Amino acid sequence: MDDIRFLIDEKKVKTEEELKKILEVFDEKKQGARYLSRFVRAMFLVAGGEVKKLEKPEIKPMNIFIKERPETRIVEKVVRIKEKFPLPKPPKPHEIINESFAGYGLEKPKEYEDSFQLVEGNMSLSFNVKISNDVYSIKEPDIDNGVIDKSEEFFKSWKKEEILNEKKIGKKVKKMFKKLKKEFKEGDVHVVQYYLIRNLGLGKVEPLLHDPNVSSIACENGKIFVERKNFGRLDANISMDPEEIDDVIGKIADATKKEISEEMPILATEYLEFNVNATVGFGNVPSTFSIKRS
């Protein structure tokens, strides 16, 4: 019997002593049993190597259905419309006819006729306009040139208000026709009134100012050109000699109180609702002017 020896696990003994000390601590605390149960469970898990590392949850890709935005559908619809009904290409500079018809698939009108009043509200003092073959033609009342010249002498000092007084001027026109040995008709009073009013203004150019569709008037080498809505640049059936051109420039200068001469040959001013630029010629260089609606 003396030879029997017990093998004592010193490590286990030491562990039990440590455990007793821990139990004594728990006994001093309230709810010791609760903390003890948690502690014992943790110890067993550690001892058994059963503590598992927390694994990150596997993130699976979600099948997200993104709805098509309304704007995308609208854009696609517009594209389809454009393909079905393509817009015309913008015109090249030399292809521009005028502001209303240039490059938009519309044809420029071939002909046009209308009448306008030289004095607003007075149908008796009217002129006709016809546009055909890129020519702007003014048709004024018929009268003998000698009558026009004589009218200038007869009514030289008359103002516009007096000329428009039909009763007052009527008697004077009858006397003038009698003196000229011309047959007088009732309509002749209106014809004389028309040319007196026209020549109080800018003469041959005056009717052009009363067509609201004319945007600009230019005099080049005695020839008149107009820029008109829907037709562009047109030749006018008006020609002017150097004296008539200088007379137009002089009247505008007087009306706007501007000085114009060979020493100061350039005129830039506003006349009624128009911007005027003019140059007085000298030698072989002719006078020119341009009148543009503001």
C-alpha atoms as a PDB file:
ATOM      1  CA  MET A   1       0.000   0.000   0.000  1.00  0.00           C
ATOM      2  CA  ASP A   2       2.861   2.263   0.748  1.00  0.00           C
ATOM      3  CA  ASP A   3       3.771   2.136  -2.904  1.00  0.00           C
ATOM      4  CA  ILE A   4       0.400   3.618  -4.047  1.00  0.00           C
ATOM      5  CA  ARG A   5       0.718   7.192  -5.097  1.00  0.00           C
ATOM      6  CA  PHE A   6      -2.049   9.631  -6.176  1.00  0.00           C
ATOM      7  CA  LEU A   7      -1.359  11.839  -9.096  1.00  0.00           C
ATOM      8  CA  ILE A   8      -2.512  15.334  -8.288  1.00  0.00           C
ATOM      9  CA  ASP A   9      -3.143  17.781 -11.090  1.00  0.00           C
ATOM     10  CA  GLU A  10      -1.580  20.904  -9.658  1.00  0.00           C
ATOM     11  CA  LYS A  11      -2.944  23.064 -12.452  1.00  0.00           C
ATOM     12  CA  LYS A  12      -6.488  21.921 -11.752  1.00  0.00           C
ATOM     13  CA  VAL A  13      -6.064  22.594  -8.032  1.00  0.00           C
ATOM     14  CA  LYS A  14      -4.844  26.069  -8.752  1.00  0.00           C
ATOM     15  CA  THR A  15      -7.789  26.692 -11.041  1.00  0.00           C
ATOM     16  CA  GLU A  16     -10.251  25.563  -8.372  1.00  0.00           C
ATOM     17  CA  GLU A  17      -8.679  27.918  -5.830  1.00  0.00           C
ATOM     18  CA  GLU A  18      -9.024  30.802  -8.254  1.00  0.00           C
ATOM     19  CA  LEU A  19     -12.633  29.848  -8.866  1.00  0.00           C
ATOM     20  CA  LYS A  20     -13.410  29.887  -5.142  1.00  0.00           C
ATOM     21  CA  LYS A  21     -12.009  33.378  -4.825  1.00  0.00           C
ATOM     22  CA  ILE A  22     -14.207  34.519  -7.689  1.00  0.00           C
ATOM     23  CA  LEU A  23     -17.286  32.932  -6.101  1.00  0.00           C
ATOM     24  CA  GLU A  24     -16.564  34.762  -2.873  1.00  0.00           C
ATOM     25  CA  VAL A  25     -16.589  38.044  -4.802  1.00  0.00           C
ATOM     26  CA  PHE A  26     -19.967  37.223  -6.362  1.00  0.00           C
ATOM     27  CA  ASP A  27     -21.424  36.389  -2.989  1.00  0.00           C
ATOM     28  CA  GLU A  28     -20.664  39.898  -1.791  1.00  0.00           C
ATOM     29  CA  LYS A  29     -22.576  41.441  -4.706  1.00  0.00           C
ATOM     30  CA  LYS A  30     -26.284  41.558  -5.023  1.00  0.00           C
ATOM     31  CA  GLN A  31     -27.774  39.339  -7.692  1.00  0.00           C
ATOM     32  CA  GLY A  32     -24.651  37.218  -7.467  1.00  0.00           C
ATOM     33  CA  ALA A  33     -26.418  34.188  -8.892  1.00  0.00           C
ATOM     34  CA  ARG A  34     -27.280  36.119 -12.011  1.00  0.00           C
ATOM     35  CA  TYR A  35     -23.723  37.282 -12.623  1.00  0.00           C
ATOM     36  CA  LEU A  36     -22.418  33.852 -11.659  1.00  0.00           C
ATOM     37  CA  SER A  37     -24.514  32.035 -14.227  1.00  0.00           C
ATOM     38  CA  ARG A  38     -23.217  34.355 -16.969  1.00  0.00           C
ATOM     39  CA  PHE A  39     -19.647  33.918 -15.800  1.00  0.00           C
ATOM     40  CA  VAL A  40     -19.861  30.106 -15.658  1.00  0.00           C
ATOM     41  CA  ARG A  41     -21.358  29.999 -19.145  1.00  0.00           C
ATOM     42  CA  ALA A  42     -18.525  32.153 -20.458  1.00  0.00           C
ATOM     43  CA  MET A  43     -15.934  29.948 -18.757  1.00  0.00           C
ATOM     44  CA  PHE A  44     -17.349  26.782 -20.290  1.00  0.00           C
ATOM     45  CA  LEU A  45     -17.419  28.339 -23.717  1.00  0.00           C
ATOM     46  CA  VAL A  46     -13.767  29.409 -23.375  1.00  0.00           C
ATOM     47  CA  ALA A  47     -12.707  26.051 -21.985  1.00  0.00           C
ATOM     48  CA  GLY A  48     -14.495  24.125 -24.693  1.00  0.00           C
ATOM     49  CA  GLY A  49     -13.198  26.413 -27.448  1.00  0.00           C
ATOM     50  CA  GLU A  50     -16.725  26.951 -28.643  1.00  0.00           C
ATOM     51  CA  VAL A  51     -16.496  30.745 -28.979  1.00  0.00           C
ATOM     52  CA  LYS A  52     -17.123  31.510 -32.595  1.00  0.00           C
ATOM     53  CA  LYS A  53     -15.996  34.588 -34.319  1.00  0.00           C
ATOM     54  CA  LEU A  54     -18.754  36.773 -35.570  1.00  0.00           C
ATOM     55  CA  GLU A  55     -18.958  36.501 -39.280  1.00  0.00           C
ATOM     56  CA  LYS A  56     -19.892  39.424 -41.441  1.00  0.00           C
ATOM     57  CA  PRO A  57     -23.249  38.884 -43.014  1.00  0.00           C
ATOM     58  CA  GLU A  58     -23.102  38.059 -46.635  1.00  0.00           C
ATOM     59  CA  ILE A  59     -24.465  40.945 -48.653  1.00  0.00           C
ATOM     60  CA  LYS A  60     -26.240  39.629 -51.644  1.00  0.00           C
ATOM     61  CA  PRO A  61     -26.749  41.953 -54.596  1.00  0.00           C
ATOM     62  CA  MET A  62     -30.293  43.216 -54.825  1.00  0.00           C
ATOM     63  CA  ASN A  63     -32.118  43.142 -58.072  1.00  0.00           C
ATOM     64  CA  ILE A  64     -33.253  46.781 -58.203  1.00  0.00           C
ATOM     65  CA  PHE A  65     -35.560  47.693 -61.020  1.00  0.00           C
ATOM     66  CA  ILE A  66     -34.997  51.334 -62.026  1.00  0.00           C
ATOM     67  CA  LYS A  67     -38.044  52.793 -63.677  1.00  0.00           C
ATOM     68  CA  GLU A  68     -37.563  54.861 -66.800  1.00  0.00           C
ATOM     69  CA  ARG A  69     -37.881  58.564 -66.031  1.00  0.00           C
ATOM     70  CA  PRO A  70     -40.666  60.473 -67.835  1.00  0.00           C
ATOM     71  CA  GLU A  71     -38.129  62.954 -69.238  1.00  0.00           C
ATOM     72  CA  THR A  72     -36.380  60.124 -71.048  1.00  0.00           C
ATOM     73  CA  ARG A  73     -39.587  59.026 -72.710  1.00  0.00           C
ATOM     74  CA  ILE A  74     -40.356  62.627 -73.763  1.00  0.00           C
ATOM     75  CA  VAL A  75     -36.912  63.091 -75.300  1.00  0.00           C
ATOM     76  CA  GLU A  76     -37.248  59.824 -77.206  1.00  0.00           C
ATOM     77  CA  LYS A  77     -40.669  60.907 -78.449  1.00  0.00           C
ATOM     78  CA  VAL A  78     -39.292  64.280 -79.650  1.00  0.00           C
ATOM     79  CA  VAL A  79     -36.451  62.494 -81.442  1.00  0.00           C
ATOM     80  CA  ARG A  80     -38.958  60.251 -83.213  1.00  0.00           C
ATOM     81  CA  ILE A  81     -41.024  63.291 -84.241  1.00  0.00           C
ATOM     82  CA  LYS A  82     -37.921  65.061 -85.565  1.00  0.00           C
ATOM     83  CA  GLU A  83     -37.038  61.981 -87.595  1.00  0.00           C
ATOM     84  CA  LYS A  84     -40.535  61.865 -89.051  1.00  0.00           C
ATOM     85  CA  PHE A  85     -40.855  65.611 -89.605  1.00  0.00           C
ATOM     86  CA  PRO A  86     -37.299  66.994 -89.935  1.00  0.00           C
ATOM     87  CA  LEU A  87     -36.818  70.745 -89.475  1.00  0.00           C
ATOM     88  CA  PRO A  88     -35.404  72.661 -92.449  1.00  0.00           C
ATOM     89  CA  LYS A  89     -31.755  73.574 -92.359  1.00  0.00           C
ATOM     90  CA  PRO A  90     -30.981  77.230 -91.524  1.00  0.00           C
ATOM     91  CA  PRO A  91     -30.395  79.347 -94.622  1.00  0.00           C
ATOM     92  CA  LYS A  92     -27.006  80.502 -95.783  1.00  0.00           C
ATOM     93  CA  PRO A  93     -26.441  84.288 -95.679  1.00  0.00           C
ATOM     94  CA  HIS A  94     -26.884  84.711 -99.433  1.00  0.00           C
ATOM     95  CA  GLU A  95     -30.073  82.650 -99.361  1.00  0.00           C
ATOM     96  CA  ILE A  96     -31.882  84.931 -96.914  1.00  0.00           C
ATOM     97  CA  ILE A  97     -34.822  86.466 -98.701  1.00  0.00           C
ATOM     98  CA  ASN A  98     -36.553  88.245 -95.834  1.00  0.00           C
ATOM     99  CA  GLU A  99     -37.448  87.862 -92.187  1.00  0.00           C
ATOM    100  CA  SER A 100     -40.707  85.962 -92.736  1.00  0.00           C
ATOM    101  CA  PHE A 101     -39.877  83.520 -95.515  1.00  0.00           C
ATOM    102  CA  ALA A 102     -36.108  82.913 -95.325  1.00  0.00           C
ATOM    103  CA  GLY A 103     -35.217  79.247 -95.127  1.00  0.00           C
ATOM    104  CA  TYR A 104     -38.490  77.949 -93.698  1.00  0.00           C
ATOM    105  CA  GLY A 105     -39.837  76.205 -96.733  1.00  0.00           C
ATOM    106  CA  LEU A 106     -42.262  79.031 -97.559  1.00  0.00           C
ATOM    107  CA  GLU A 107     -42.342  80.596-100.987  1.00  0.00           C
ATOM    108  CA  LYS A 108     -41.906  84.318-101.403  1.00  0.00           C
ATOM    109  CA  PRO A 109     -45.105  85.917-102.754  1.00  0.00           C
ATOM    110  CA  LYS A 110     -44.886  86.509-106.466  1.00  0.00           C
ATOM    111  CA  GLU A 111     -47.205  89.495-106.642  1.00  0.00           C
ATOM    112  CA  TYR A 112     -48.806  91.956-104.297  1.00  0.00           C
ATOM    113  CA  GLU A 113     -51.151  94.945-104.635  1.00  0.00           C
ATOM    114  CA  ASP A 114     -52.432  97.433-102.085  1.00  0.00           C
ATOM    115  CA  SER A 115     -53.220 101.106-101.589  1.00  0.00           C
ATOM    116  CA  PHE A 116     -51.989 103.503 -98.919  1.00  0.00           C
ATOM    117  CA  GLN A 117     -52.948 106.989 -97.792  1.00  0.00           C
ATOM    118  CA  LEU A 118     -50.565 109.881 -98.123  1.00  0.00           C
ATOM    119  CA  VAL A 119     -52.453 111.562 -95.283  1.00  0.00           C
ATOM    120  CA  GLU A 120     -53.806 109.213 -92.658  1.00  0.00           C
ATOM    121  CA  GLY A 121     -57.593 109.071 -92.682  1.00  0.00           C
ATOM    122  CA  ASN A 122     -57.930 110.772 -96.063  1.00  0.00           C
ATOM    123  CA  MET A 123     -58.868 108.188 -98.680  1.00  0.00           C
ATOM    124  CA  SER A 124     -58.914 110.836-101.406  1.00  0.00           C
ATOM    125  CA  LEU A 125     -55.141 111.229-101.141  1.00  0.00           C
ATOM    126  CA  SER A 126     -54.082 107.655-101.839  1.00  0.00           C
ATOM    127  CA  PHE A 127     -51.552 105.849-104.028  1.00  0.00           C
ATOM    128  CA  ASN A 128     -51.379 102.250-105.195  1.00  0.00           C
ATOM    129  CA  VAL A 129     -48.528  99.795-104.790  1.00  0.00           C
ATOM    130  CA  LYS A 130     -47.881  96.754-106.935  1.00  0.00           C
ATOM    131  CA  ILE A 131     -45.021  94.304-106.443  1.00  0.00           C
ATOM    132  CA  SER A 132     -44.157  91.975-109.286  1.00  0.00           C
ATOM    133  CA  ASN A 133     -40.908  90.463-110.616  1.00  0.00           C
ATOM    134  CA  ASP A 134     -38.939  91.996-107.725  1.00  0.00           C
ATOM    135  CA  VAL A 135     -40.046  95.515-108.672  1.00  0.00           C
ATOM    136  CA  TYR A 136     -41.852  97.834-106.280  1.00  0.00           C
ATOM    137  CA  SER A 137     -44.128 100.025-108.416  1.00  0.00           C
ATOM    138  CA  ILE A 138     -45.942 103.092-107.142  1.00  0.00           C
ATOM    139  CA  LYS A 139     -48.996 104.252-109.080  1.00  0.00           C
ATOM    140  CA  GLU A 140     -49.849 107.864-108.261  1.00  0.00           C
ATOM    141  CA  PRO A 141     -52.828 109.927-109.487  1.00  0.00           C
ATOM    142  CA  ASP A 142     -52.580 110.965-113.129  1.00  0.00           C
ATOM    143  CA  ILE A 143     -51.920 114.632-113.799  1.00  0.00           C
ATOM    144  CA  ASP A 144     -50.143 116.736-116.351  1.00  0.00           C
ATOM    145  CA  ASN A 145     -46.619 117.681-115.296  1.00  0.00           C
ATOM    146  CA  GLY A 146     -47.321 121.268-116.273  1.00  0.00           C
ATOM    147  CA  VAL A 147     -50.176 121.349-113.784  1.00  0.00           C
ATOM    148  CA  ILE A 148     -47.910 120.080-111.012  1.00  0.00           C
ATOM    149  CA  ASP A 149     -45.312 122.756-111.732  1.00  0.00           C
ATOM    150  CA  LYS A 150     -47.950 125.466-111.890  1.00  0.00           C
ATOM    151  CA  SER A 151     -49.496 124.234-108.653  1.00  0.00           C
ATOM    152  CA  GLU A 152     -46.145 124.779-106.930  1.00  0.00           C
ATOM    153  CA  GLU A 153     -46.271 128.431-107.983  1.00  0.00           C
ATOM    154  CA  PHE A 154     -49.923 128.957-107.110  1.00  0.00           C
ATOM    155  CA  PHE A 155     -49.666 127.435-103.642  1.00  0.00           C
ATOM    156  CA  LYS A 156     -46.039 128.187-102.825  1.00  0.00           C
ATOM    157  CA  SER A 157     -46.762 129.852 -99.475  1.00  0.00           C
ATOM    158  CA  TRP A 158     -49.563 127.498 -98.434  1.00  0.00           C
ATOM    159  CA  LYS A 159     -49.121 125.294 -95.402  1.00  0.00           C
ATOM    160  CA  LYS A 160     -50.288 121.724 -95.075  1.00  0.00           C
ATOM    161  CA  GLU A 161     -53.418 122.631 -93.086  1.00  0.00           C
ATOM    162  CA  GLU A 162     -54.515 125.100 -95.784  1.00  0.00           C
ATOM    163  CA  ILE A 163     -53.907 122.605 -98.583  1.00  0.00           C
ATOM    164  CA  LEU A 164     -56.100 120.015 -96.799  1.00  0.00           C
ATOM    165  CA  ASN A 165     -58.949 122.554 -96.602  1.00  0.00           C
ATOM    166  CA  GLU A 166     -60.887 121.287 -99.601  1.00  0.00           C
ATOM    167  CA  LYS A 167     -63.292 124.208 -99.853  1.00  0.00           C
ATOM    168  CA  LYS A 168     -60.576 126.831 -99.679  1.00  0.00           C
ATOM    169  CA  ILE A 169     -58.243 125.152-102.150  1.00  0.00           C
ATOM    170  CA  GLY A 170     -61.066 124.125-104.496  1.00  0.00           C
ATOM    171  CA  LYS A 171     -61.749 127.669-105.674  1.00  0.00           C
ATOM    172  CA  LYS A 172     -58.063 128.322-106.215  1.00  0.00           C
ATOM    173  CA  VAL A 173     -57.608 125.119-108.250  1.00  0.00           C
ATOM    174  CA  LYS A 174     -60.513 126.068-110.554  1.00  0.00           C
ATOM    175  CA  LYS A 175     -58.906 129.437-111.255  1.00  0.00           C
ATOM    176  CA  MET A 176     -55.572 127.764-111.962  1.00  0.00           C
ATOM    177  CA  PHE A 177     -57.088 125.305-114.446  1.00  0.00           C
ATOM    178  CA  LYS A 178     -58.942 128.137-116.160  1.00  0.00           C
ATOM    179  CA  LYS A 179     -55.737 130.128-116.474  1.00  0.00           C
ATOM    180  CA  LEU A 180     -53.922 127.082-117.884  1.00  0.00           C
ATOM    181  CA  LYS A 181     -56.850 126.456-120.229  1.00  0.00           C
ATOM    182  CA  LYS A 182     -57.233 122.937-118.850  1.00  0.00           C
ATOM    183  CA  GLU A 183     -60.498 121.103-118.472  1.00  0.00           C
ATOM    184  CA  PHE A 184     -61.416 120.978-114.790  1.00  0.00           C
ATOM    185  CA  LYS A 185     -63.005 117.937-113.143  1.00  0.00           C
ATOM    186  CA  GLU A 186     -64.070 117.641-109.514  1.00  0.00           C
ATOM    187  CA  GLY A 187     -61.456 114.987-108.820  1.00  0.00           C
ATOM    188  CA  ASP A 188     -58.697 117.354-109.914  1.00  0.00           C
ATOM    189  CA  VAL A 189     -58.829 119.114-106.544  1.00  0.00           C
ATOM    190  CA  HIS A 190     -57.776 115.902-104.771  1.00  0.00           C
ATOM    191  CA  VAL A 191     -55.048 115.274-107.333  1.00  0.00           C
ATOM    192  CA  VAL A 192     -53.587 118.741-106.800  1.00  0.00           C
ATOM    193  CA  GLN A 193     -53.834 118.282-103.040  1.00  0.00           C
ATOM    194  CA  TYR A 194     -51.992 114.951-103.338  1.00  0.00           C
ATOM    195  CA  TYR A 195     -48.991 116.382-105.192  1.00  0.00           C
ATOM    196  CA  LEU A 196     -48.801 119.513-103.057  1.00  0.00           C
ATOM    197  CA  ILE A 197     -48.680 117.393 -99.880  1.00  0.00           C
ATOM    198  CA  ARG A 198     -46.222 114.956-101.473  1.00  0.00           C
ATOM    199  CA  ASN A 199     -43.866 117.739-102.517  1.00  0.00           C
ATOM    200  CA  LEU A 200     -44.095 119.453 -99.142  1.00  0.00           C
ATOM    201  CA  GLY A 201     -42.568 116.217 -97.909  1.00  0.00           C
ATOM    202  CA  LEU A 202     -39.744 114.353 -99.625  1.00  0.00           C
ATOM    203  CA  GLY A 203     -41.160 114.454-103.137  1.00  0.00           C
ATOM    204  CA  LYS A 204     -40.979 111.169-105.037  1.00  0.00           C
ATOM    205  CA  VAL A 205     -39.740 109.367-101.896  1.00  0.00           C
ATOM    206  CA  GLU A 206     -42.609 110.566 -99.692  1.00  0.00           C
ATOM    207  CA  PRO A 207     -45.111 107.780-100.586  1.00  0.00           C
ATOM    208  CA  LEU A 208     -42.570 105.129 -99.534  1.00  0.00           C
ATOM    209  CA  LEU A 209     -42.660 106.509 -95.988  1.00  0.00           C
ATOM    210  CA  HIS A 210     -46.390 105.752 -95.805  1.00  0.00           C
ATOM    211  CA  ASP A 211     -46.148 102.054 -96.637  1.00  0.00           C
ATOM    212  CA  PRO A 212     -45.727 100.541 -93.155  1.00  0.00           C
ATOM    213  CA  ASN A 213     -44.199  97.393 -94.643  1.00  0.00           C
ATOM    214  CA  VAL A 214     -41.250  99.269 -96.119  1.00  0.00           C
ATOM    215  CA  SER A 215     -38.400  99.022 -93.630  1.00  0.00           C
ATOM    216  CA  SER A 216     -35.717 100.925 -95.544  1.00  0.00           C
ATOM    217  CA  ILE A 217     -35.195 103.145 -98.579  1.00  0.00           C
ATOM    218  CA  ALA A 218     -31.860 103.646-100.323  1.00  0.00           C
ATOM    219  CA  CYS A 219     -30.785 105.941-103.120  1.00  0.00           C
ATOM    220  CA  GLU A 220     -27.811 104.716-105.151  1.00  0.00           C
ATOM    221  CA  ASN A 221     -26.731 106.533-108.313  1.00  0.00           C
ATOM    222  CA  GLY A 222     -30.163 108.083-108.669  1.00  0.00           C
ATOM    223  CA  LYS A 223     -31.956 104.735-108.384  1.00  0.00           C
ATOM    224  CA  ILE A 224     -34.274 103.948-105.462  1.00  0.00           C
ATOM    225  CA  PHE A 225     -34.312 100.567-103.724  1.00  0.00           C
ATOM    226  CA  VAL A 226     -36.614  99.467-100.921  1.00  0.00           C
ATOM    227  CA  GLU A 227     -36.523  96.711 -98.337  1.00  0.00           C
ATOM    228  CA  ARG A 228     -40.020  95.410 -97.803  1.00  0.00           C
ATOM    229  CA  LYS A 229     -41.505  92.816 -95.491  1.00  0.00           C
ATOM    230  CA  ASN A 230     -42.042  89.416 -97.146  1.00  0.00           C
ATOM    231  CA  PHE A 231     -40.214  90.498-100.306  1.00  0.00           C
ATOM    232  CA  GLY A 232     -36.759  91.663 -99.259  1.00  0.00           C
ATOM    233  CA  ARG A 233     -34.824  94.101-101.420  1.00  0.00           C
ATOM    234  CA  LEU A 234     -36.724  95.430-104.424  1.00  0.00           C
ATOM    235  CA  ASP A 235     -36.102  97.905-107.231  1.00  0.00           C
ATOM    236  CA  ALA A 236     -38.511 100.823-107.049  1.00  0.00           C
ATOM    237  CA  ASN A 237     -39.912 102.440-110.181  1.00  0.00           C
ATOM    238  CA  ILE A 238     -38.444 105.740-109.038  1.00  0.00           C
ATOM    239  CA  SER A 239     -35.432 107.516-110.463  1.00  0.00           C
ATOM    240  CA  MET A 240     -34.093 110.847-109.244  1.00  0.00           C
ATOM    241  CA  ASP A 241     -31.771 113.400-110.749  1.00  0.00           C
ATOM    242  CA  PRO A 242     -28.971 114.967-108.630  1.00  0.00           C
ATOM    243  CA  GLU A 243     -31.060 118.043-107.815  1.00  0.00           C
ATOM    244  CA  GLU A 244     -33.953 115.939-106.524  1.00  0.00           C
ATOM    245  CA  ILE A 245     -31.586 113.857-104.356  1.00  0.00           C
ATOM    246  CA  ASP A 246     -29.986 116.976-102.861  1.00  0.00           C
ATOM    247  CA  ASP A 247     -33.474 118.400-102.292  1.00  0.00           C
ATOM    248  CA  VAL A 248     -34.472 115.337-100.229  1.00  0.00           C
ATOM    249  CA  ILE A 249     -31.284 115.567 -98.146  1.00  0.00           C
ATOM    250  CA  GLY A 250     -31.761 119.315 -97.683  1.00  0.00           C
ATOM    251  CA  LYS A 251     -35.376 118.946 -96.526  1.00  0.00           C
ATOM    252  CA  ILE A 252     -34.412 116.332 -93.952  1.00  0.00           C
ATOM    253  CA  ALA A 253     -31.546 118.517 -92.713  1.00  0.00           C
ATOM    254  CA  ASP A 254     -33.862 121.547 -92.391  1.00  0.00           C
ATOM    255  CA  ALA A 255     -36.566 119.549 -90.624  1.00  0.00           C
ATOM    256  CA  THR A 256     -34.070 118.161 -88.108  1.00  0.00           C
ATOM    257  CA  LYS A 257     -32.071 121.418 -87.827  1.00  0.00           C
ATOM    258  CA  LYS A 258     -28.857 119.844 -89.048  1.00  0.00           C
ATOM    259  CA  GLU A 259     -26.216 121.501 -91.171  1.00  0.00           C
ATOM    260  CA  ILE A 260     -25.249 119.860 -94.435  1.00  0.00           C
ATOM    261  CA  SER A 261     -22.887 121.240 -97.076  1.00  0.00           C
ATOM    262  CA  GLU A 262     -19.809 120.372 -99.132  1.00  0.00           C
ATOM    263  CA  GLU A 263     -17.722 121.317 -96.088  1.00  0.00           C
ATOM    264  CA  MET A 264     -19.926 119.118 -93.866  1.00  0.00           C
ATOM    265  CA  PRO A 265     -21.170 116.527 -96.354  1.00  0.00           C
ATOM    266  CA  ILE A 266     -22.310 113.828 -93.933  1.00  0.00           C
ATOM    267  CA  LEU A 267     -25.778 113.794 -92.365  1.00  0.00           C
ATOM    268  CA  ALA A 268     -26.841 111.383 -89.617  1.00  0.00           C
ATOM    269  CA  THR A 269     -30.148 112.200 -87.956  1.00  0.00           C
ATOM    270  CA  GLU A 270     -33.654 111.060 -87.028  1.00  0.00           C
ATOM    271  CA  TYR A 271     -36.528 112.139 -89.228  1.00  0.00           C
ATOM    272  CA  LEU A 272     -40.032 111.317 -88.000  1.00  0.00           C
ATOM    273  CA  GLU A 273     -39.841 107.568 -87.237  1.00  0.00           C
ATOM    274  CA  PHE A 274     -36.784 106.965 -89.417  1.00  0.00           C
ATOM    275  CA  ASN A 275     -33.015 106.977 -89.064  1.00  0.00           C
ATOM    276  CA  VAL A 276     -31.371 108.865 -91.902  1.00  0.00           C
ATOM    277  CA  ASN A 277     -27.821 108.723 -93.199  1.00  0.00           C
ATOM    278  CA  ALA A 278     -26.831 110.825 -96.183  1.00  0.00           C
ATOM    279  CA  THR A 279     -23.752 112.083 -97.976  1.00  0.00           C
ATOM    280  CA  VAL A 280     -23.645 115.120-100.234  1.00  0.00           C
ATOM    281  CA  GLY A 281     -21.766 114.363-103.448  1.00  0.00           C
ATOM    282  CA  PHE A 282     -19.163 116.516-105.160  1.00  0.00           C
ATOM    283  CA  GLY A 283     -17.601 116.368-108.599  1.00  0.00           C
ATOM    284  CA  ASN A 284     -18.440 113.053-110.201  1.00  0.00           C
ATOM    285  CA  VAL A 285     -19.417 111.492-106.869  1.00  0.00           C
ATOM    286  CA  PRO A 286     -23.242 111.464-106.550  1.00  0.00           C
ATOM    287  CA  SER A 287     -25.160 112.205-103.377  1.00  0.00           C
ATOM    288  CA  THR A 288     -26.638 109.217-101.576  1.00  0.00           C
ATOM    289  CA  PHE A 289     -29.032 108.610 -98.726  1.00  0.00           C
ATOM    290  CA  SER A 290     -30.595 105.766 -96.758  1.00  0.00           C
ATOM    291  CA  ILE A 291     -33.761 105.974 -94.685  1.00  0.00           C
ATOM    292  CA  LYS A 292     -34.482 103.156 -92.246  1.00  0.00           C
ATOM    293  CA  ARG A 293     -37.578 102.702 -90.123  1.00  0.00           C
ATOM    294  CA  SER A 294     -36.709 102.735 -86.409  1.00  0.00           C
END
